[in-house]
Amino acid sequence: MPATEPTEDLIERRRALLASLRLQANGMLAELAQVIGVDPPHRLSDEPEATLEAVAAFCRRTDFASATEDGRIWTLNRLGLYLARELCAANRAALEYVDDMQGAHFRLTCRKAPA
């Protein structure tokens, strides 16, 4: 099946979805920052490497086994997003949302190491 060019409507819907996901990601990281105690909250997204120790300390002192299912999902989603951003920041990589209409799909793109 040949690829078709996306319509203007589809492009606008994808842009709106990406903007929404960016806002949600920032909100999720702000919630995590509040729970962990990182202040100001934007440091989790702007300076992930500087907040890694606070995240690690939170993980060491948190008993995930005793949390409710919703609590575990809430926490792990936010930690996963944080760690993905940390990995990207540490390796000059990019994390992007892939709109494949099958749910949340992210792509991590790393640079090739110099020869």
C-alpha atoms as a PDB file:
ATOM      1  CA  MET A   1       0.000   0.000   0.000  1.00  0.00           C
ATOM      2  CA  PRO A   2       1.592   3.330  -1.000  1.00  0.00           C
ATOM      3  CA  ALA A   3       2.067   5.950   1.697  1.00  0.00           C
ATOM      4  CA  THR A   4      -0.286   8.878   1.461  1.00  0.00           C
ATOM      5  CA  GLU A   5       0.480  12.439   2.412  1.00  0.00           C
ATOM      6  CA  PRO A   6      -1.138  13.467   5.700  1.00  0.00           C
ATOM      7  CA  THR A   7      -3.962  15.966   5.364  1.00  0.00           C
ATOM      8  CA  GLU A   8      -3.815  19.376   7.011  1.00  0.00           C
ATOM      9  CA  ASP A   9      -6.514  18.219   9.419  1.00  0.00           C
ATOM     10  CA  LEU A  10      -4.473  15.180  10.452  1.00  0.00           C
ATOM     11  CA  ILE A  11      -1.354  17.294  10.889  1.00  0.00           C
ATOM     12  CA  GLU A  12      -3.233  19.750  13.108  1.00  0.00           C
ATOM     13  CA  ARG A  13      -4.698  16.909  15.200  1.00  0.00           C
ATOM     14  CA  ARG A  14      -1.225  15.433  15.679  1.00  0.00           C
ATOM     15  CA  ARG A  15       0.191  18.811  16.690  1.00  0.00           C
ATOM     16  CA  ALA A  16      -2.624  19.268  19.215  1.00  0.00           C
ATOM     17  CA  LEU A  17      -2.012  15.770  20.599  1.00  0.00           C
ATOM     18  CA  LEU A  18       1.723  16.420  20.976  1.00  0.00           C
ATOM     19  CA  ALA A  19       1.056  19.738  22.730  1.00  0.00           C
ATOM     20  CA  SER A  20      -1.342  17.956  25.079  1.00  0.00           C
ATOM     21  CA  LEU A  21       1.202  15.226  25.827  1.00  0.00           C
ATOM     22  CA  ARG A  22       3.885  17.799  26.581  1.00  0.00           C
ATOM     23  CA  LEU A  23       1.562  19.530  29.032  1.00  0.00           C
ATOM     24  CA  GLN A  24       0.640  16.197  30.616  1.00  0.00           C
ATOM     25  CA  ALA A  25       4.298  15.210  30.914  1.00  0.00           C
ATOM     26  CA  ASN A  26       5.145  18.474  32.650  1.00  0.00           C
ATOM     27  CA  GLY A  27       2.181  17.991  34.989  1.00  0.00           C
ATOM     28  CA  MET A  28       3.235  14.430  35.759  1.00  0.00           C
ATOM     29  CA  LEU A  29       6.763  15.545  36.554  1.00  0.00           C
ATOM     30  CA  ALA A  30       5.468  18.385  38.749  1.00  0.00           C
ATOM     31  CA  GLU A  31       3.383  15.853  40.715  1.00  0.00           C
ATOM     32  CA  LEU A  32       6.411  13.587  41.115  1.00  0.00           C
ATOM     33  CA  ALA A  33       8.552  16.540  42.227  1.00  0.00           C
ATOM     34  CA  GLN A  34       6.034  17.362  44.931  1.00  0.00           C
ATOM     35  CA  VAL A  35       6.012  13.781  46.241  1.00  0.00           C
ATOM     36  CA  ILE A  36       9.807  13.474  46.131  1.00  0.00           C
ATOM     37  CA  GLY A  37      10.443  16.955  47.522  1.00  0.00           C
ATOM     38  CA  VAL A  38      12.251  18.523  44.579  1.00  0.00           C
ATOM     39  CA  ASP A  39      11.826  22.296  44.621  1.00  0.00           C
ATOM     40  CA  PRO A  40      11.229  24.019  42.301  1.00  0.00           C
ATOM     41  CA  PRO A  41       9.381  21.237  40.450  1.00  0.00           C
ATOM     42  CA  HIS A  42      10.621  22.225  36.988  1.00  0.00           C
ATOM     43  CA  ARG A  43      14.091  20.986  37.990  1.00  0.00           C
ATOM     44  CA  LEU A  44      12.926  17.400  37.274  1.00  0.00           C
ATOM     45  CA  SER A  45      12.470  18.225  33.602  1.00  0.00           C
ATOM     46  CA  ASP A  46      15.026  21.027  33.201  1.00  0.00           C
ATOM     47  CA  GLU A  47      17.870  19.510  35.237  1.00  0.00           C
ATOM     48  CA  PRO A  48      17.196  15.765  35.497  1.00  0.00           C
ATOM     49  CA  GLU A  49      20.802  14.896  36.278  1.00  0.00           C
ATOM     50  CA  ALA A  50      20.818  17.334  39.226  1.00  0.00           C
ATOM     51  CA  THR A  51      17.766  15.667  40.793  1.00  0.00           C
ATOM     52  CA  LEU A  52      18.780  12.038  40.310  1.00  0.00           C
ATOM     53  CA  GLU A  53      19.920  11.615  43.918  1.00  0.00           C
ATOM     54  CA  ALA A  54      16.571  12.867  45.248  1.00  0.00           C
ATOM     55  CA  VAL A  55      14.755  10.391  42.996  1.00  0.00           C
ATOM     56  CA  ALA A  56      17.077   7.570  44.072  1.00  0.00           C
ATOM     57  CA  ALA A  57      16.522   8.401  47.762  1.00  0.00           C
ATOM     58  CA  PHE A  58      12.754   8.391  47.195  1.00  0.00           C
ATOM     59  CA  CYS A  59      12.951   4.952  45.563  1.00  0.00           C
ATOM     60  CA  ARG A  60      15.116   3.581  48.405  1.00  0.00           C
ATOM     61  CA  ARG A  61      12.695   4.707  51.117  1.00  0.00           C
ATOM     62  CA  THR A  62       9.429   3.840  49.310  1.00  0.00           C
ATOM     63  CA  ASP A  63       7.758   0.474  49.831  1.00  0.00           C
ATOM     64  CA  PHE A  64       6.113  -0.049  46.451  1.00  0.00           C
ATOM     65  CA  ALA A  65       4.810  -3.484  47.473  1.00  0.00           C
ATOM     66  CA  SER A  66       2.484  -1.975  50.081  1.00  0.00           C
ATOM     67  CA  ALA A  67       1.113   0.696  47.731  1.00  0.00           C
ATOM     68  CA  THR A  68      -2.271   0.317  46.091  1.00  0.00           C
ATOM     69  CA  GLU A  69      -2.341  -0.738  42.446  1.00  0.00           C
ATOM     70  CA  ASP A  70      -3.342   2.804  41.447  1.00  0.00           C
ATOM     71  CA  GLY A  71      -0.544   4.203  43.591  1.00  0.00           C
ATOM     72  CA  ARG A  72       2.039   1.938  41.981  1.00  0.00           C
ATOM     73  CA  ILE A  73       0.830   2.813  38.480  1.00  0.00           C
ATOM     74  CA  TRP A  74       0.798   6.536  39.314  1.00  0.00           C
ATOM     75  CA  THR A  75       4.325   6.433  40.708  1.00  0.00           C
ATOM     76  CA  LEU A  76       5.861   4.144  38.115  1.00  0.00           C
ATOM     77  CA  ASN A  77       4.467   6.148  35.183  1.00  0.00           C
ATOM     78  CA  ARG A  78       6.032   9.302  36.573  1.00  0.00           C
ATOM     79  CA  LEU A  79       9.314   7.612  37.453  1.00  0.00           C
ATOM     80  CA  GLY A  80       9.478   6.067  34.000  1.00  0.00           C
ATOM     81  CA  LEU A  81       9.045   9.450  32.338  1.00  0.00           C
ATOM     82  CA  TYR A  82      11.652  10.996  34.640  1.00  0.00           C
ATOM     83  CA  LEU A  83      14.171   8.204  34.003  1.00  0.00           C
ATOM     84  CA  ALA A  84      13.634   8.369  30.244  1.00  0.00           C
ATOM     85  CA  ARG A  85      14.357  12.095  30.343  1.00  0.00           C
ATOM     86  CA  GLU A  86      17.398  11.516  32.560  1.00  0.00           C
ATOM     87  CA  LEU A  87      18.727   8.923  30.121  1.00  0.00           C
ATOM     88  CA  CYS A  88      18.232  11.339  27.246  1.00  0.00           C
ATOM     89  CA  ALA A  89      19.903  14.241  29.059  1.00  0.00           C
ATOM     90  CA  ALA A  90      22.894  12.132  30.044  1.00  0.00           C
ATOM     91  CA  ASN A  91      23.423  10.851  26.508  1.00  0.00           C
ATOM     92  CA  ARG A  92      22.392  13.810  24.355  1.00  0.00           C
ATOM     93  CA  ALA A  93      19.494  11.737  23.083  1.00  0.00           C
ATOM     94  CA  ALA A  94      15.953  12.680  22.121  1.00  0.00           C
ATOM     95  CA  LEU A  95      12.687  11.351  23.498  1.00  0.00           C
ATOM     96  CA  GLU A  96       9.730  11.824  21.195  1.00  0.00           C
ATOM     97  CA  TYR A  97       6.126  10.749  21.131  1.00  0.00           C
ATOM     98  CA  VAL A  98       5.221   8.561  18.137  1.00  0.00           C
ATOM     99  CA  ASP A  99       1.654   8.958  16.940  1.00  0.00           C
ATOM    100  CA  ASP A 100       0.793   5.433  15.830  1.00  0.00           C
ATOM    101  CA  MET A 101      -2.824   5.510  17.059  1.00  0.00           C
ATOM    102  CA  GLN A 102      -2.232   2.481  19.324  1.00  0.00           C
ATOM    103  CA  GLY A 103      -1.651   4.228  22.640  1.00  0.00           C
ATOM    104  CA  ALA A 104       1.431   5.754  24.188  1.00  0.00           C
ATOM    105  CA  HIS A 105       4.475   5.011  22.086  1.00  0.00           C
ATOM    106  CA  PHE A 106       7.750   6.855  22.605  1.00  0.00           C
ATOM    107  CA  ARG A 107      10.966   6.696  20.615  1.00  0.00           C
ATOM    108  CA  LEU A 108      14.386   7.207  22.176  1.00  0.00           C
ATOM    109  CA  THR A 109      16.921   8.337  19.586  1.00  0.00           C
ATOM    110  CA  CYS A 110      20.595   8.267  20.505  1.00  0.00           C
ATOM    111  CA  ARG A 111      23.538   9.700  18.612  1.00  0.00           C
ATOM    112  CA  LYS A 112      26.065   7.331  17.113  1.00  0.00           C
ATOM    113  CA  ALA A 113      29.279   7.178  19.122  1.00  0.00           C
ATOM    114  CA  PRO A 114      32.275   8.747  17.372  1.00  0.00           C
ATOM    115  CA  ALA A 115      34.568   6.241  15.714  1.00  0.00           C
END
